[in-house]
Amino acid sequence: MKKTILLSLVALMTLLLCASCKSDKDEPKPAPNPTQKEWVTKQITVDASDYTKWVYISFTKGKVVSVSAPETDLSWDLGLHRYDFKTNGGTSGKGKGAAARTTQKDLKADIPAPKDSEWTLDREGMLLMKFGANKEGKHDMKYEKQSANFLLTSEPKGDGKPGYLNKGIISMAGMPPTVTIDPSVFLVRSAAGQIVRIRVLDYQSATKKTGHITLEYAMQADKK
């Protein structure tokens, strides 16, 4: 009799343990919390005053980088030449660079990612690559075909004709020229394809020398 009772208790305990194990397996495990992101802003001033050359920056490094072959080099994200800009994509590079304009003026605003069709790729166009005075004191200008992003860059009509085919971030009008900066936030895709938000804050240095571009930009990083 005692043996029968003991066996019954053992069987009952086994059933209870199995039921408990099954219950634990059936309960859904909580999903891991996704890493939260935040927009981190940086600022950089670039001397792009030389009409004859482009200057290149890396958003990740936050500085100017040396580039000898921009068409194949993936170390740069944005090129600057006076008030002109190029991204590392399209006809300018082999990266994933492109640009889009937003209606926001705050780098940390809620801005949806553009659709593929809303990105503007770099292409070739005419840019002013020489400007000065000749021996007679007249303007010595030369337009050349260059690869640039003509959403970010104001595209001149060329050959000394006043006005633009389209206006970019920085444009000029009148004589002496008045410089206007579009305060909107522009989105730039880096060489690696990361979306970076940029705004131009100034086009001249502390000593009022033009072609010194101050950029404020924001990149996503893991929230601390």
N, C-alpha and C. Protein backbone atom coordinates (compact mmCIF):
# COMPACT_ATOMS: atom_id res chain seq x y z
N MET A 1 0.83 -1.21 0.00
CA MET A 1 0.00 0.00 0.00
C MET A 1 0.87 1.26 0.00
N LYS A 2 1.85 1.25 0.95
CA LYS A 2 2.75 2.41 1.03
C LYS A 2 3.51 2.60 -0.27
N LYS A 3 3.91 1.45 -0.87
CA LYS A 3 4.66 1.52 -2.12
C LYS A 3 3.80 2.13 -3.24
N THR A 4 2.52 1.79 -3.26
CA THR A 4 1.60 2.31 -4.27
C THR A 4 1.42 3.81 -4.11
N ILE A 5 1.28 4.27 -2.85
CA ILE A 5 1.12 5.70 -2.59
C ILE A 5 2.36 6.47 -3.00
N LEU A 6 3.53 5.88 -2.69
CA LEU A 6 4.79 6.53 -3.03
C LEU A 6 4.94 6.67 -4.53
N LEU A 7 4.60 5.61 -5.26
CA LEU A 7 4.69 5.67 -6.73
C LEU A 7 3.73 6.70 -7.30
N SER A 8 2.55 6.81 -6.69
CA SER A 8 1.57 7.79 -7.16
C SER A 8 2.07 9.21 -6.95
N LEU A 9 2.72 9.45 -5.79
CA LEU A 9 3.25 10.79 -5.52
C LEU A 9 4.36 11.15 -6.50
N VAL A 10 5.23 10.17 -6.78
CA VAL A 10 6.32 10.41 -7.73
C VAL A 10 5.77 10.74 -9.10
N ALA A 11 4.74 10.00 -9.53
CA ALA A 11 4.13 10.24 -10.83
C ALA A 11 3.49 11.62 -10.89
N LEU A 12 2.84 12.02 -9.78
CA LEU A 12 2.19 13.33 -9.73
C LEU A 12 3.21 14.45 -9.82
N MET A 13 4.32 14.30 -9.09
CA MET A 13 5.36 15.32 -9.11
C MET A 13 5.98 15.44 -10.51
N THR A 14 6.15 14.30 -11.16
CA THR A 14 6.71 14.30 -12.52
C THR A 14 5.79 15.05 -13.48
N LEU A 15 4.48 14.79 -13.35
CA LEU A 15 3.51 15.48 -14.20
C LEU A 15 3.53 16.99 -13.97
N LEU A 16 3.63 17.38 -12.69
CA LEU A 16 3.66 18.81 -12.36
C LEU A 16 4.91 19.48 -12.91
N LEU A 17 6.04 18.79 -12.81
CA LEU A 17 7.29 19.36 -13.33
C LEU A 17 7.23 19.50 -14.85
N CYS A 18 6.68 18.52 -15.53
CA CYS A 18 6.57 18.57 -16.99
C CYS A 18 5.66 19.71 -17.43
N ALA A 19 4.55 19.85 -16.68
CA ALA A 19 3.61 20.93 -17.01
C ALA A 19 4.25 22.29 -16.83
N SER A 20 5.08 22.40 -15.75
CA SER A 20 5.76 23.65 -15.49
C SER A 20 6.76 23.98 -16.60
N CYS A 21 7.50 22.94 -17.03
CA CYS A 21 8.49 23.14 -18.11
C CYS A 21 7.80 23.57 -19.40
N LYS A 22 6.68 22.91 -19.70
CA LYS A 22 5.94 23.25 -20.91
C LYS A 22 5.41 24.66 -20.86
N SER A 23 4.93 25.06 -19.66
CA SER A 23 4.40 26.40 -19.50
C SER A 23 5.48 27.46 -19.74
N ASP A 24 6.72 27.15 -19.21
CA ASP A 24 7.81 28.08 -19.40
C ASP A 24 8.19 28.22 -20.87
N LYS A 25 8.12 27.07 -21.59
CA LYS A 25 8.48 27.11 -23.01
C LYS A 25 7.43 27.86 -23.83
N ASP A 26 6.15 27.74 -23.41
CA ASP A 26 5.08 28.37 -24.17
C ASP A 26 5.05 29.88 -24.00
N GLU A 27 5.58 30.40 -22.88
CA GLU A 27 5.54 31.84 -22.64
C GLU A 27 6.49 32.56 -23.60
N PRO A 28 5.98 33.59 -24.32
CA PRO A 28 6.85 34.32 -25.27
C PRO A 28 7.93 35.10 -24.53
N LYS A 29 9.12 35.04 -25.06
CA LYS A 29 10.22 35.78 -24.46
C LYS A 29 10.13 37.25 -24.87
N PRO A 30 10.41 38.15 -23.97
CA PRO A 30 10.34 39.57 -24.33
C PRO A 30 11.36 39.92 -25.42
N ALA A 31 10.92 40.72 -26.38
CA ALA A 31 11.80 41.12 -27.48
C ALA A 31 12.88 42.06 -26.96
N PRO A 32 14.10 41.89 -27.42
CA PRO A 32 15.17 42.79 -26.97
C PRO A 32 14.90 44.23 -27.42
N ASN A 33 15.22 45.16 -26.57
CA ASN A 33 15.01 46.56 -26.89
C ASN A 33 15.96 46.99 -28.02
N PRO A 34 15.41 47.56 -29.12
CA PRO A 34 16.29 48.02 -30.20
C PRO A 34 17.14 49.19 -29.72
N THR A 35 18.34 49.28 -30.26
CA THR A 35 19.23 50.38 -29.88
C THR A 35 18.61 51.70 -30.30
N GLN A 36 18.45 52.61 -29.37
CA GLN A 36 17.86 53.90 -29.67
C GLN A 36 18.90 54.82 -30.31
N LYS A 37 18.44 55.61 -31.28
CA LYS A 37 19.32 56.52 -32.01
C LYS A 37 18.99 57.97 -31.67
N GLU A 38 19.97 58.82 -31.84
CA GLU A 38 19.77 60.25 -31.67
C GLU A 38 20.60 61.00 -32.72
N TRP A 39 20.18 62.23 -33.04
CA TRP A 39 20.89 63.04 -34.01
C TRP A 39 21.96 63.83 -33.28
N VAL A 40 23.21 63.64 -33.68
CA VAL A 40 24.34 64.34 -33.08
C VAL A 40 24.85 65.38 -34.08
N THR A 41 24.92 66.63 -33.66
CA THR A 41 25.31 67.71 -34.56
C THR A 41 26.80 68.04 -34.44
N LYS A 42 27.36 68.42 -35.58
CA LYS A 42 28.76 68.85 -35.65
C LYS A 42 28.82 70.10 -36.51
N GLN A 43 29.94 70.80 -36.42
CA GLN A 43 30.11 72.02 -37.22
C GLN A 43 31.53 72.04 -37.79
N ILE A 44 31.65 72.49 -39.01
CA ILE A 44 32.95 72.56 -39.66
C ILE A 44 32.99 73.77 -40.58
N THR A 45 34.13 74.45 -40.62
CA THR A 45 34.34 75.55 -41.55
C THR A 45 35.41 75.13 -42.55
N VAL A 46 35.10 75.27 -43.83
CA VAL A 46 35.98 74.80 -44.90
C VAL A 46 36.41 75.98 -45.77
N ASP A 47 37.70 76.08 -45.99
CA ASP A 47 38.22 77.10 -46.90
C ASP A 47 38.10 76.56 -48.33
N ALA A 48 37.02 76.96 -49.00
CA ALA A 48 36.78 76.54 -50.38
C ALA A 48 36.88 77.73 -51.31
N SER A 49 37.74 78.70 -50.95
CA SER A 49 37.78 79.98 -51.66
C SER A 49 38.52 79.91 -53.00
N ASP A 50 39.33 78.89 -53.21
CA ASP A 50 40.11 78.77 -54.44
C ASP A 50 39.20 78.37 -55.60
N TYR A 51 39.15 79.22 -56.63
CA TYR A 51 38.28 78.93 -57.78
C TYR A 51 38.76 77.72 -58.58
N THR A 52 40.01 77.35 -58.44
CA THR A 52 40.60 76.34 -59.32
C THR A 52 40.53 74.92 -58.79
N LYS A 53 40.08 74.73 -57.54
CA LYS A 53 40.11 73.37 -57.01
C LYS A 53 38.93 73.09 -56.07
N TRP A 54 38.67 71.79 -55.90
CA TRP A 54 37.66 71.31 -54.97
C TRP A 54 38.33 70.90 -53.66
N VAL A 55 37.57 71.02 -52.56
CA VAL A 55 38.02 70.57 -51.24
C VAL A 55 37.01 69.53 -50.76
N TYR A 56 37.51 68.46 -50.13
CA TYR A 56 36.64 67.34 -49.78
C TYR A 56 36.63 67.11 -48.26
N ILE A 57 35.44 66.77 -47.74
CA ILE A 57 35.33 66.49 -46.31
C ILE A 57 34.71 65.12 -46.09
N SER A 58 35.04 64.57 -44.92
CA SER A 58 34.43 63.34 -44.45
C SER A 58 33.50 63.68 -43.29
N PHE A 59 32.24 63.29 -43.38
CA PHE A 59 31.30 63.58 -42.30
C PHE A 59 31.70 62.83 -41.02
N THR A 60 32.12 61.59 -41.16
CA THR A 60 32.47 60.78 -40.00
C THR A 60 33.68 61.36 -39.27
N LYS A 61 34.71 61.74 -40.03
CA LYS A 61 35.91 62.29 -39.42
C LYS A 61 35.73 63.74 -39.01
N GLY A 62 34.78 64.43 -39.65
CA GLY A 62 34.52 65.82 -39.31
C GLY A 62 35.63 66.75 -39.72
N LYS A 63 36.29 66.44 -40.84
CA LYS A 63 37.42 67.28 -41.28
C LYS A 63 37.65 67.13 -42.78
N VAL A 64 38.52 68.01 -43.29
CA VAL A 64 38.93 67.93 -44.69
C VAL A 64 39.84 66.73 -44.87
N VAL A 65 39.63 65.99 -45.98
CA VAL A 65 40.47 64.84 -46.28
C VAL A 65 41.17 65.06 -47.62
N SER A 66 42.36 64.48 -47.73
CA SER A 66 43.14 64.61 -48.96
C SER A 66 42.65 63.59 -49.98
N VAL A 67 42.28 64.07 -51.15
CA VAL A 67 41.73 63.21 -52.20
C VAL A 67 42.42 63.53 -53.52
N SER A 68 42.98 62.51 -54.14
CA SER A 68 43.66 62.71 -55.43
C SER A 68 42.83 62.21 -56.60
N ALA A 69 41.96 61.23 -56.33
CA ALA A 69 41.10 60.68 -57.39
C ALA A 69 39.67 60.59 -56.87
N PRO A 70 38.94 61.71 -56.85
CA PRO A 70 37.60 61.73 -56.24
C PRO A 70 36.61 60.78 -56.91
N GLU A 71 36.82 60.46 -58.19
CA GLU A 71 35.87 59.60 -58.90
C GLU A 71 35.88 58.17 -58.36
N THR A 72 36.97 57.75 -57.72
CA THR A 72 37.08 56.37 -57.23
C THR A 72 37.31 56.28 -55.73
N ASP A 73 37.55 57.40 -55.08
CA ASP A 73 37.88 57.43 -53.64
C ASP A 73 36.59 57.48 -52.82
N LEU A 74 36.46 56.57 -51.86
CA LEU A 74 35.27 56.53 -51.00
C LEU A 74 35.50 57.17 -49.64
N SER A 75 36.63 57.85 -49.47
CA SER A 75 36.93 58.45 -48.16
C SER A 75 36.25 59.79 -47.97
N TRP A 76 35.69 60.37 -49.03
CA TRP A 76 35.05 61.68 -48.91
C TRP A 76 33.54 61.56 -49.10
N ASP A 77 32.81 62.52 -48.52
CA ASP A 77 31.34 62.52 -48.60
C ASP A 77 30.79 63.76 -49.29
N LEU A 78 31.45 64.89 -49.11
CA LEU A 78 30.96 66.15 -49.69
C LEU A 78 32.14 66.95 -50.22
N GLY A 79 32.02 67.42 -51.47
CA GLY A 79 33.04 68.28 -52.05
C GLY A 79 32.55 69.71 -52.10
N LEU A 80 33.45 70.66 -51.86
CA LEU A 80 33.10 72.08 -51.87
C LEU A 80 34.05 72.85 -52.78
N HIS A 81 33.47 73.77 -53.54
CA HIS A 81 34.25 74.65 -54.43
C HIS A 81 33.51 75.99 -54.45
N ARG A 82 34.08 76.98 -53.73
CA ARG A 82 33.35 78.24 -53.57
C ARG A 82 31.95 77.96 -53.00
N TYR A 83 30.90 78.23 -53.79
CA TYR A 83 29.54 77.98 -53.32
C TYR A 83 28.92 76.75 -53.99
N ASP A 84 29.79 75.91 -54.53
CA ASP A 84 29.35 74.71 -55.24
C ASP A 84 29.59 73.47 -54.38
N PHE A 85 28.76 72.45 -54.61
CA PHE A 85 28.84 71.22 -53.81
C PHE A 85 28.73 70.00 -54.72
N LYS A 86 29.41 68.94 -54.33
CA LYS A 86 29.24 67.66 -54.99
C LYS A 86 29.17 66.55 -53.93
N THR A 87 28.46 65.48 -54.26
CA THR A 87 28.37 64.33 -53.37
C THR A 87 29.13 63.17 -54.00
N ASN A 88 29.43 62.17 -53.20
CA ASN A 88 30.19 61.02 -53.70
C ASN A 88 29.23 60.02 -54.35
N GLY A 89 28.72 60.39 -55.51
CA GLY A 89 27.79 59.55 -56.24
C GLY A 89 27.50 60.16 -57.60
N GLY A 90 26.66 59.52 -58.38
CA GLY A 90 26.34 60.01 -59.71
C GLY A 90 27.60 60.10 -60.55
N THR A 91 27.81 61.23 -61.24
CA THR A 91 29.01 61.40 -62.06
C THR A 91 30.22 61.85 -61.26
N SER A 92 30.04 62.11 -59.95
CA SER A 92 31.15 62.62 -59.13
C SER A 92 31.96 61.55 -58.43
N GLY A 93 31.36 60.40 -58.17
CA GLY A 93 32.07 59.37 -57.43
C GLY A 93 31.36 58.04 -57.51
N LYS A 94 32.01 57.00 -57.00
CA LYS A 94 31.43 55.67 -57.07
C LYS A 94 30.67 55.29 -55.80
N GLY A 95 30.51 56.26 -54.90
CA GLY A 95 29.76 56.00 -53.67
C GLY A 95 28.26 56.10 -53.87
N LYS A 96 27.52 56.18 -52.77
CA LYS A 96 26.05 56.23 -52.79
C LYS A 96 25.53 57.65 -52.60
N GLY A 97 26.37 58.64 -52.88
CA GLY A 97 26.02 60.03 -52.63
C GLY A 97 24.85 60.53 -53.47
N ALA A 98 24.07 61.42 -52.88
CA ALA A 98 22.93 62.08 -53.53
C ALA A 98 22.44 63.15 -52.55
N ALA A 99 21.46 63.96 -52.97
CA ALA A 99 20.96 65.03 -52.11
C ALA A 99 19.46 65.20 -52.26
N ALA A 100 18.84 65.71 -51.20
CA ALA A 100 17.40 66.01 -51.21
C ALA A 100 17.17 67.25 -50.35
N ARG A 101 16.16 68.03 -50.71
CA ARG A 101 15.83 69.25 -49.95
C ARG A 101 14.61 68.99 -49.09
N THR A 102 14.59 69.57 -47.89
CA THR A 102 13.42 69.46 -47.02
C THR A 102 12.86 70.86 -46.77
N THR A 103 11.71 70.91 -46.14
CA THR A 103 11.10 72.20 -45.79
C THR A 103 11.41 72.57 -44.34
N GLN A 104 12.20 71.73 -43.67
CA GLN A 104 12.55 71.98 -42.26
C GLN A 104 13.76 72.88 -42.15
N LYS A 105 13.88 73.54 -41.00
CA LYS A 105 15.04 74.38 -40.73
C LYS A 105 15.77 73.93 -39.46
N ASP A 106 15.24 72.89 -38.82
CA ASP A 106 15.84 72.34 -37.61
C ASP A 106 16.45 70.98 -37.93
N LEU A 107 17.74 70.83 -37.64
CA LEU A 107 18.43 69.59 -37.96
C LEU A 107 17.85 68.39 -37.21
N LYS A 108 17.22 68.64 -36.07
CA LYS A 108 16.71 67.53 -35.26
C LYS A 108 15.19 67.36 -35.40
N ALA A 109 14.61 67.99 -36.41
CA ALA A 109 13.17 67.88 -36.65
C ALA A 109 12.82 66.47 -37.14
N ASP A 110 11.53 66.17 -37.13
CA ASP A 110 11.06 64.88 -37.63
C ASP A 110 11.02 64.95 -39.16
N ILE A 111 12.01 64.35 -39.79
CA ILE A 111 12.13 64.40 -41.25
C ILE A 111 12.12 62.97 -41.79
N PRO A 112 11.11 62.61 -42.56
CA PRO A 112 11.07 61.24 -43.12
C PRO A 112 12.16 61.05 -44.18
N ALA A 113 12.61 59.83 -44.31
CA ALA A 113 13.61 59.52 -45.33
C ALA A 113 12.98 59.65 -46.72
N PRO A 114 13.65 60.29 -47.65
CA PRO A 114 13.08 60.47 -49.00
C PRO A 114 12.93 59.13 -49.72
N LYS A 115 12.00 59.10 -50.66
CA LYS A 115 11.88 57.95 -51.54
C LYS A 115 13.05 57.96 -52.51
N ASP A 116 13.31 56.82 -53.14
CA ASP A 116 14.43 56.74 -54.09
C ASP A 116 14.31 57.79 -55.19
N SER A 117 13.07 58.05 -55.63
CA SER A 117 12.86 59.00 -56.73
C SER A 117 13.05 60.45 -56.30
N GLU A 118 13.16 60.71 -55.00
CA GLU A 118 13.28 62.08 -54.49
C GLU A 118 14.73 62.52 -54.30
N TRP A 119 15.66 61.61 -54.53
CA TRP A 119 17.07 61.96 -54.41
C TRP A 119 17.59 62.53 -55.73
N THR A 120 18.45 63.53 -55.64
CA THR A 120 19.08 64.12 -56.83
C THR A 120 20.54 63.66 -56.90
N LEU A 121 20.90 63.04 -58.01
CA LEU A 121 22.26 62.57 -58.22
C LEU A 121 23.11 63.65 -58.87
N ASP A 122 24.41 63.52 -58.71
CA ASP A 122 25.34 64.45 -59.35
C ASP A 122 25.34 64.25 -60.87
N ARG A 123 25.59 65.35 -61.56
CA ARG A 123 25.70 65.30 -63.03
C ARG A 123 26.67 66.40 -63.46
N GLU A 124 26.95 66.48 -64.74
CA GLU A 124 27.87 67.48 -65.24
C GLU A 124 27.13 68.78 -65.59
N GLY A 125 27.82 69.89 -65.42
CA GLY A 125 27.27 71.20 -65.75
C GLY A 125 28.40 72.20 -65.79
N MET A 126 28.11 73.43 -66.15
CA MET A 126 29.12 74.48 -66.26
C MET A 126 29.25 75.23 -64.93
N LEU A 127 30.50 75.38 -64.46
CA LEU A 127 30.78 76.12 -63.24
C LEU A 127 31.90 77.12 -63.50
N LEU A 128 31.88 78.20 -62.72
CA LEU A 128 32.92 79.23 -62.82
C LEU A 128 34.18 78.73 -62.13
N MET A 129 35.22 78.43 -62.90
CA MET A 129 36.45 77.84 -62.36
C MET A 129 37.63 78.81 -62.39
N LYS A 130 37.40 80.04 -62.87
CA LYS A 130 38.44 81.06 -62.85
C LYS A 130 37.78 82.42 -62.77
N PHE A 131 38.27 83.24 -61.85
CA PHE A 131 37.69 84.59 -61.71
C PHE A 131 38.76 85.52 -61.17
N GLY A 132 38.98 86.60 -61.86
CA GLY A 132 39.96 87.58 -61.43
C GLY A 132 39.91 88.79 -62.33
N ALA A 133 41.01 89.52 -62.38
CA ALA A 133 41.09 90.71 -63.23
C ALA A 133 42.30 90.58 -64.15
N ASN A 134 42.11 90.95 -65.41
CA ASN A 134 43.22 90.90 -66.37
C ASN A 134 44.03 92.21 -66.31
N LYS A 135 44.96 92.35 -67.23
CA LYS A 135 45.84 93.52 -67.21
C LYS A 135 45.08 94.82 -67.45
N GLU A 136 43.96 94.72 -68.16
CA GLU A 136 43.16 95.92 -68.42
C GLU A 136 42.20 96.23 -67.28
N GLY A 137 42.25 95.40 -66.24
CA GLY A 137 41.36 95.62 -65.10
C GLY A 137 39.96 95.07 -65.29
N LYS A 138 39.76 94.31 -66.37
CA LYS A 138 38.45 93.71 -66.60
C LYS A 138 38.40 92.30 -66.00
N HIS A 139 37.18 91.84 -65.80
CA HIS A 139 37.00 90.51 -65.23
C HIS A 139 37.56 89.45 -66.17
N ASP A 140 38.32 88.54 -65.59
CA ASP A 140 38.86 87.41 -66.33
C ASP A 140 38.16 86.15 -65.79
N MET A 141 37.18 85.68 -66.52
CA MET A 141 36.36 84.56 -66.05
C MET A 141 36.46 83.38 -67.02
N LYS A 142 36.34 82.18 -66.44
CA LYS A 142 36.35 80.98 -67.28
C LYS A 142 35.39 79.95 -66.70
N TYR A 143 34.46 79.51 -67.52
CA TYR A 143 33.54 78.45 -67.13
C TYR A 143 34.03 77.12 -67.70
N GLU A 144 33.93 76.08 -66.88
CA GLU A 144 34.33 74.74 -67.30
C GLU A 144 33.27 73.72 -66.92
N LYS A 145 33.23 72.63 -67.68
CA LYS A 145 32.30 71.55 -67.35
C LYS A 145 32.83 70.82 -66.12
N GLN A 146 31.97 70.72 -65.12
CA GLN A 146 32.32 70.07 -63.86
C GLN A 146 31.19 69.15 -63.42
N SER A 147 31.54 68.16 -62.62
CA SER A 147 30.53 67.29 -62.02
C SER A 147 30.17 67.86 -60.65
N ALA A 148 28.88 68.05 -60.41
CA ALA A 148 28.42 68.62 -59.14
C ALA A 148 27.00 68.17 -58.87
N ASN A 149 26.53 68.49 -57.67
CA ASN A 149 25.13 68.21 -57.35
C ASN A 149 24.35 69.51 -57.52
N PHE A 150 23.52 69.56 -58.55
CA PHE A 150 22.84 70.82 -58.89
C PHE A 150 21.50 71.00 -58.18
N LEU A 151 21.30 70.24 -57.10
CA LEU A 151 20.27 70.60 -56.12
C LEU A 151 20.94 71.47 -55.05
N LEU A 152 22.15 71.09 -54.66
CA LEU A 152 22.90 71.85 -53.66
C LEU A 152 23.59 73.07 -54.28
N THR A 153 23.92 72.96 -55.57
CA THR A 153 24.70 73.98 -56.26
C THR A 153 23.82 74.84 -57.16
N SER A 154 24.01 76.16 -57.10
CA SER A 154 23.34 77.05 -58.05
C SER A 154 24.03 76.91 -59.40
N GLU A 155 23.26 76.56 -60.43
CA GLU A 155 23.84 76.31 -61.75
C GLU A 155 23.79 77.59 -62.58
N PRO A 156 24.96 78.17 -62.90
CA PRO A 156 24.97 79.41 -63.68
C PRO A 156 24.58 79.17 -65.13
N LYS A 157 24.12 80.23 -65.76
CA LYS A 157 23.80 80.14 -67.19
C LYS A 157 25.08 80.03 -68.03
N GLY A 158 26.19 80.50 -67.47
CA GLY A 158 27.48 80.36 -68.14
C GLY A 158 27.79 81.49 -69.09
N ASP A 159 29.06 81.54 -69.50
CA ASP A 159 29.53 82.54 -70.47
C ASP A 159 29.26 83.97 -70.00
N GLY A 160 29.28 84.17 -68.69
CA GLY A 160 29.09 85.51 -68.17
C GLY A 160 27.67 86.00 -68.13
N LYS A 161 26.72 85.17 -68.54
CA LYS A 161 25.32 85.58 -68.50
C LYS A 161 24.83 85.64 -67.06
N PRO A 162 24.09 86.70 -66.69
CA PRO A 162 23.61 86.79 -65.31
C PRO A 162 22.50 85.78 -65.03
N GLY A 163 22.40 85.41 -63.75
CA GLY A 163 21.31 84.52 -63.35
C GLY A 163 21.71 83.05 -63.35
N TYR A 164 20.76 82.23 -62.94
CA TYR A 164 20.99 80.80 -62.78
C TYR A 164 19.94 79.99 -63.53
N LEU A 165 20.34 78.80 -63.92
CA LEU A 165 19.37 77.84 -64.43
C LEU A 165 18.53 77.28 -63.29
N ASN A 166 19.14 77.15 -62.14
CA ASN A 166 18.43 76.76 -60.91
C ASN A 166 19.27 77.22 -59.72
N LYS A 167 18.60 77.49 -58.60
CA LYS A 167 19.30 77.96 -57.41
C LYS A 167 19.51 76.82 -56.42
N GLY A 168 20.72 76.79 -55.82
CA GLY A 168 21.07 75.80 -54.82
C GLY A 168 21.04 76.40 -53.43
N ILE A 169 21.93 75.93 -52.57
CA ILE A 169 21.95 76.42 -51.19
C ILE A 169 22.39 77.89 -51.15
N ILE A 170 23.44 78.22 -51.93
CA ILE A 170 23.98 79.58 -51.93
C ILE A 170 23.82 80.17 -53.33
N SER A 171 23.28 81.37 -53.40
CA SER A 171 23.12 82.03 -54.70
C SER A 171 23.50 83.51 -54.57
N MET A 172 23.78 84.13 -55.71
CA MET A 172 24.15 85.54 -55.73
C MET A 172 23.29 86.30 -56.74
N ALA A 173 23.08 87.57 -56.48
CA ALA A 173 22.32 88.41 -57.41
C ALA A 173 22.76 89.85 -57.26
N GLY A 174 22.69 90.61 -58.39
CA GLY A 174 23.01 92.03 -58.36
C GLY A 174 24.49 92.32 -58.45
N MET A 175 24.82 93.59 -58.47
CA MET A 175 26.20 94.05 -58.56
C MET A 175 26.34 95.33 -57.74
N PRO A 176 27.16 95.34 -56.68
CA PRO A 176 27.92 94.18 -56.23
C PRO A 176 26.99 93.07 -55.77
N PRO A 177 27.44 91.80 -55.90
CA PRO A 177 26.53 90.68 -55.64
C PRO A 177 26.10 90.57 -54.17
N THR A 178 24.82 90.28 -54.02
CA THR A 178 24.27 89.97 -52.70
C THR A 178 24.15 88.46 -52.58
N VAL A 179 24.73 87.91 -51.54
CA VAL A 179 24.73 86.45 -51.35
C VAL A 179 23.54 86.05 -50.48
N THR A 180 22.82 85.03 -50.94
CA THR A 180 21.67 84.50 -50.20
C THR A 180 21.91 83.03 -49.87
N ILE A 181 21.63 82.66 -48.62
CA ILE A 181 21.76 81.27 -48.19
C ILE A 181 20.37 80.71 -47.92
N ASP A 182 20.06 79.59 -48.53
CA ASP A 182 18.80 78.89 -48.26
C ASP A 182 18.91 78.27 -46.87
N PRO A 183 18.04 78.66 -45.91
CA PRO A 183 18.16 78.16 -44.54
C PRO A 183 17.61 76.74 -44.34
N SER A 184 17.10 76.15 -45.40
CA SER A 184 16.49 74.82 -45.27
C SER A 184 17.53 73.76 -44.90
N VAL A 185 17.02 72.70 -44.31
CA VAL A 185 17.85 71.51 -44.06
C VAL A 185 17.88 70.69 -45.35
N PHE A 186 19.08 70.37 -45.79
CA PHE A 186 19.26 69.49 -46.94
C PHE A 186 19.77 68.14 -46.46
N LEU A 187 19.35 67.09 -47.13
CA LEU A 187 19.81 65.75 -46.80
C LEU A 187 20.86 65.34 -47.82
N VAL A 188 21.96 64.82 -47.32
CA VAL A 188 23.04 64.33 -48.18
C VAL A 188 23.31 62.87 -47.82
N ARG A 189 23.33 62.04 -48.84
CA ARG A 189 23.71 60.65 -48.64
C ARG A 189 25.23 60.56 -48.72
N SER A 190 25.84 59.98 -47.69
CA SER A 190 27.30 59.86 -47.67
C SER A 190 27.75 58.82 -48.68
N ALA A 191 29.05 58.67 -48.82
CA ALA A 191 29.59 57.67 -49.73
C ALA A 191 29.11 56.27 -49.36
N ALA A 192 28.92 56.03 -48.06
CA ALA A 192 28.47 54.72 -47.59
C ALA A 192 26.95 54.59 -47.61
N GLY A 193 26.23 55.68 -47.89
CA GLY A 193 24.77 55.63 -47.96
C GLY A 193 24.06 56.12 -46.73
N GLN A 194 24.79 56.62 -45.72
CA GLN A 194 24.16 57.14 -44.51
C GLN A 194 23.56 58.52 -44.79
N ILE A 195 22.35 58.76 -44.28
CA ILE A 195 21.71 60.06 -44.47
C ILE A 195 22.24 61.06 -43.45
N VAL A 196 22.76 62.17 -43.97
CA VAL A 196 23.31 63.23 -43.13
C VAL A 196 22.51 64.51 -43.41
N ARG A 197 22.14 65.21 -42.36
CA ARG A 197 21.40 66.46 -42.49
C ARG A 197 22.37 67.63 -42.42
N ILE A 198 22.27 68.56 -43.37
CA ILE A 198 23.21 69.69 -43.38
C ILE A 198 22.48 71.02 -43.51
N ARG A 199 23.12 72.06 -42.98
CA ARG A 199 22.69 73.45 -43.18
C ARG A 199 23.94 74.30 -43.34
N VAL A 200 23.90 75.26 -44.24
CA VAL A 200 25.00 76.21 -44.38
C VAL A 200 24.71 77.40 -43.48
N LEU A 201 25.66 77.72 -42.62
CA LEU A 201 25.49 78.83 -41.68
C LEU A 201 26.13 80.12 -42.19
N ASP A 202 27.23 79.99 -42.92
CA ASP A 202 27.92 81.20 -43.38
C ASP A 202 28.76 80.87 -44.61
N TYR A 203 29.06 81.90 -45.38
CA TYR A 203 29.84 81.72 -46.61
C TYR A 203 31.15 82.50 -46.57
N GLN A 204 31.46 83.12 -45.42
CA GLN A 204 32.68 83.91 -45.31
C GLN A 204 33.33 83.70 -43.94
N SER A 205 34.62 84.01 -43.90
CA SER A 205 35.39 83.83 -42.67
C SER A 205 35.13 84.97 -41.70
N ALA A 206 35.80 84.90 -40.55
CA ALA A 206 35.66 85.96 -39.55
C ALA A 206 36.19 87.28 -40.07
N THR A 207 37.11 87.21 -41.05
CA THR A 207 37.66 88.43 -41.65
C THR A 207 36.93 88.81 -42.93
N LYS A 208 35.75 88.22 -43.15
CA LYS A 208 34.87 88.53 -44.28
C LYS A 208 35.43 88.06 -45.63
N LYS A 209 36.30 87.07 -45.61
CA LYS A 209 36.79 86.51 -46.86
C LYS A 209 35.78 85.48 -47.36
N THR A 210 35.31 85.66 -48.57
CA THR A 210 34.26 84.78 -49.09
C THR A 210 34.83 83.42 -49.49
N GLY A 211 33.93 82.46 -49.59
CA GLY A 211 34.33 81.10 -49.96
C GLY A 211 34.73 80.24 -48.78
N HIS A 212 34.58 80.78 -47.57
CA HIS A 212 34.83 79.99 -46.35
C HIS A 212 33.46 79.53 -45.85
N ILE A 213 33.16 78.27 -46.09
CA ILE A 213 31.81 77.75 -45.84
C ILE A 213 31.73 77.08 -44.47
N THR A 214 30.81 77.58 -43.65
CA THR A 214 30.56 76.95 -42.35
C THR A 214 29.31 76.08 -42.45
N LEU A 215 29.51 74.80 -42.22
CA LEU A 215 28.43 73.81 -42.28
C LEU A 215 28.09 73.31 -40.88
N GLU A 216 26.81 73.17 -40.63
CA GLU A 216 26.34 72.44 -39.46
C GLU A 216 25.66 71.19 -39.99
N TYR A 217 26.02 70.03 -39.44
CA TYR A 217 25.41 68.80 -39.93
C TYR A 217 25.11 67.85 -38.78
N ALA A 218 24.20 66.94 -39.03
CA ALA A 218 23.77 66.00 -38.00
C ALA A 218 23.81 64.59 -38.56
N MET A 219 24.33 63.68 -37.74
CA MET A 219 24.39 62.26 -38.08
C MET A 219 23.76 61.45 -36.95
N GLN A 220 23.18 60.32 -37.30
CA GLN A 220 22.60 59.47 -36.27
C GLN A 220 23.66 58.63 -35.58
N ALA A 221 23.52 58.53 -34.25
CA ALA A 221 24.45 57.71 -33.45
C ALA A 221 23.65 57.02 -32.36
N ASP A 222 24.21 55.97 -31.79
CA ASP A 222 23.54 55.27 -30.68
C ASP A 222 23.35 56.22 -29.50
N LYS A 223 22.13 56.21 -28.96
CA LYS A 223 21.82 57.09 -27.84
C LYS A 223 22.55 56.62 -26.59
N LYS A 224 23.18 57.56 -25.91
CA LYS A 224 23.94 57.21 -24.71
C LYS A 224 23.04 57.16 -23.48
